[in-house]
Amino acid sequence: MAYKTSRYRKISLNVARDVYDNLHTLSALSGISSVSELIRRGISLFGYVLEAQQRGETLAVLDKDGKVLREVAFL
C-alpha cells in the first residue's frame, strides 16, 4: 500500500458545475498549477483566518496607502 508513504491523501468531492468551472477559472487566473493546489491553499487560508478570529483579530482589505476599505467577516 504505497499511499501510506505518500504526502497526499486522495479525496472525492462533488460540487455543482458552476463551482467546478469557478475552480478552474481561479486556478488559471492565479497561475496555480492545479485545482487540487488551489483547494489546498484555500483550506490553508481559511485555517489562518480561523486562528486570527480566535485571537480576536480581524481581516481587512486595505488600499495601496494602508487605509482600511472594508473589514471581512467570516460567519
C-alpha atoms as a PDB file:
ATOM      1  CA  MET A   1       0.000   0.000   0.000  1.00  0.00           C
ATOM      2  CA  ALA A   2       2.094   2.880  -1.297  1.00  0.00           C
ATOM      3  CA  TYR A   3      -0.383   5.523  -0.164  1.00  0.00           C
ATOM      4  CA  LYS A   4       0.830   5.223   3.440  1.00  0.00           C
ATOM      5  CA  THR A   5       4.183   6.731   2.495  1.00  0.00           C
ATOM      6  CA  SER A   6       2.713   9.430   0.243  1.00  0.00           C
ATOM      7  CA  ARG A   7       2.478  13.022   1.447  1.00  0.00           C
ATOM      8  CA  TYR A   8      -1.003  13.330  -0.013  1.00  0.00           C
ATOM      9  CA  ARG A   9      -4.303  11.531   0.507  1.00  0.00           C
ATOM     10  CA  LYS A  10      -6.903  11.363  -2.217  1.00  0.00           C
ATOM     11  CA  ILE A  11     -10.432  12.570  -1.551  1.00  0.00           C
ATOM     12  CA  SER A  12     -13.505  12.694  -3.723  1.00  0.00           C
ATOM     13  CA  LEU A  13     -15.579  15.865  -3.820  1.00  0.00           C
ATOM     14  CA  ASN A  14     -18.873  16.547  -5.562  1.00  0.00           C
ATOM     15  CA  VAL A  15     -19.544  20.172  -6.490  1.00  0.00           C
ATOM     16  CA  ALA A  16     -22.047  21.985  -8.656  1.00  0.00           C
ATOM     17  CA  ARG A  17     -20.982  22.634 -12.246  1.00  0.00           C
ATOM     18  CA  ASP A  18     -20.603  26.388 -11.667  1.00  0.00           C
ATOM     19  CA  VAL A  19     -18.330  25.734  -8.668  1.00  0.00           C
ATOM     20  CA  TYR A  20     -16.251  23.345 -10.790  1.00  0.00           C
ATOM     21  CA  ASP A  21     -15.955  25.949 -13.547  1.00  0.00           C
ATOM     22  CA  ASN A  22     -15.055  28.637 -10.996  1.00  0.00           C
ATOM     23  CA  LEU A  23     -12.286  26.468  -9.523  1.00  0.00           C
ATOM     24  CA  HIS A  24     -10.719  26.059 -12.961  1.00  0.00           C
ATOM     25  CA  THR A  25     -11.067  29.777 -13.698  1.00  0.00           C
ATOM     26  CA  LEU A  26      -9.477  30.767 -10.375  1.00  0.00           C
ATOM     27  CA  SER A  27      -6.667  28.288 -10.926  1.00  0.00           C
ATOM     28  CA  ALA A  28      -5.905  29.707 -14.362  1.00  0.00           C
ATOM     29  CA  LEU A  29      -6.193  33.372 -13.307  1.00  0.00           C
ATOM     30  CA  SER A  30      -3.938  32.910 -10.299  1.00  0.00           C
ATOM     31  CA  GLY A  31      -1.329  30.831 -12.072  1.00  0.00           C
ATOM     32  CA  ILE A  32      -1.842  27.963  -9.647  1.00  0.00           C
ATOM     33  CA  SER A  33      -0.931  24.745 -11.429  1.00  0.00           C
ATOM     34  CA  SER A  34      -3.949  22.647 -10.438  1.00  0.00           C
ATOM     35  CA  VAL A  35      -7.362  22.736  -8.831  1.00  0.00           C
ATOM     36  CA  SER A  36      -6.005  20.461  -6.100  1.00  0.00           C
ATOM     37  CA  GLU A  37      -3.342  23.040  -5.221  1.00  0.00           C
ATOM     38  CA  LEU A  38      -5.936  25.819  -5.319  1.00  0.00           C
ATOM     39  CA  ILE A  39      -8.108  23.894  -2.842  1.00  0.00           C
ATOM     40  CA  ARG A  40      -5.103  23.181  -0.581  1.00  0.00           C
ATOM     41  CA  ARG A  41      -4.240  26.884  -0.497  1.00  0.00           C
ATOM     42  CA  GLY A  42      -7.853  27.833   0.174  1.00  0.00           C
ATOM     43  CA  ILE A  43      -8.006  25.447   3.123  1.00  0.00           C
ATOM     44  CA  SER A  44      -4.737  26.870   4.496  1.00  0.00           C
ATOM     45  CA  LEU A  45      -6.063  30.413   4.147  1.00  0.00           C
ATOM     46  CA  PHE A  46      -9.300  29.503   5.909  1.00  0.00           C
ATOM     47  CA  GLY A  47      -7.299  27.946   8.749  1.00  0.00           C
ATOM     48  CA  TYR A  48      -5.272  31.138   9.082  1.00  0.00           C
ATOM     49  CA  VAL A  49      -8.465  33.222   9.216  1.00  0.00           C
ATOM     50  CA  LEU A  50      -9.999  30.978  11.885  1.00  0.00           C
ATOM     51  CA  GLU A  51      -6.877  31.221  14.039  1.00  0.00           C
ATOM     52  CA  ALA A  52      -6.876  35.006  13.692  1.00  0.00           C
ATOM     53  CA  GLN A  53     -10.539  35.175  14.695  1.00  0.00           C
ATOM     54  CA  GLN A  54      -9.848  33.042  17.760  1.00  0.00           C
ATOM     55  CA  ARG A  55      -7.184  35.574  18.785  1.00  0.00           C
ATOM     56  CA  GLY A  56      -9.742  38.371  18.392  1.00  0.00           C
ATOM     57  CA  GLU A  57      -8.141  39.706  15.230  1.00  0.00           C
ATOM     58  CA  THR A  58      -9.935  40.805  12.066  1.00  0.00           C
ATOM     59  CA  LEU A  59      -9.221  40.569   8.367  1.00  0.00           C
ATOM     60  CA  ALA A  60      -9.286  43.808   6.387  1.00  0.00           C
ATOM     61  CA  VAL A  61      -8.912  44.953   2.796  1.00  0.00           C
ATOM     62  CA  LEU A  62      -6.548  47.917   2.553  1.00  0.00           C
ATOM     63  CA  ASP A  63      -5.895  50.324  -0.265  1.00  0.00           C
ATOM     64  CA  LYS A  64      -2.360  50.973  -1.511  1.00  0.00           C
ATOM     65  CA  ASP A  65      -1.877  53.617   1.199  1.00  0.00           C
ATOM     66  CA  GLY A  66      -2.914  51.293   4.019  1.00  0.00           C
ATOM     67  CA  LYS A  67      -6.371  52.774   4.523  1.00  0.00           C
ATOM     68  CA  VAL A  68      -8.962  50.170   5.532  1.00  0.00           C
ATOM     69  CA  LEU A  69     -11.536  49.839   2.768  1.00  0.00           C
ATOM     70  CA  ARG A  70     -13.571  47.114   4.429  1.00  0.00           C
ATOM     71  CA  GLU A  71     -13.410  44.543   7.153  1.00  0.00           C
ATOM     72  CA  VAL A  72     -14.032  40.959   6.086  1.00  0.00           C
ATOM     73  CA  ALA A  73     -16.301  38.879   8.305  1.00  0.00           C
ATOM     74  CA  PHE A  74     -16.436  35.082   8.110  1.00  0.00           C
ATOM     75  CA  LEU A  75     -19.501  33.586   9.698  1.00  0.00           C
END
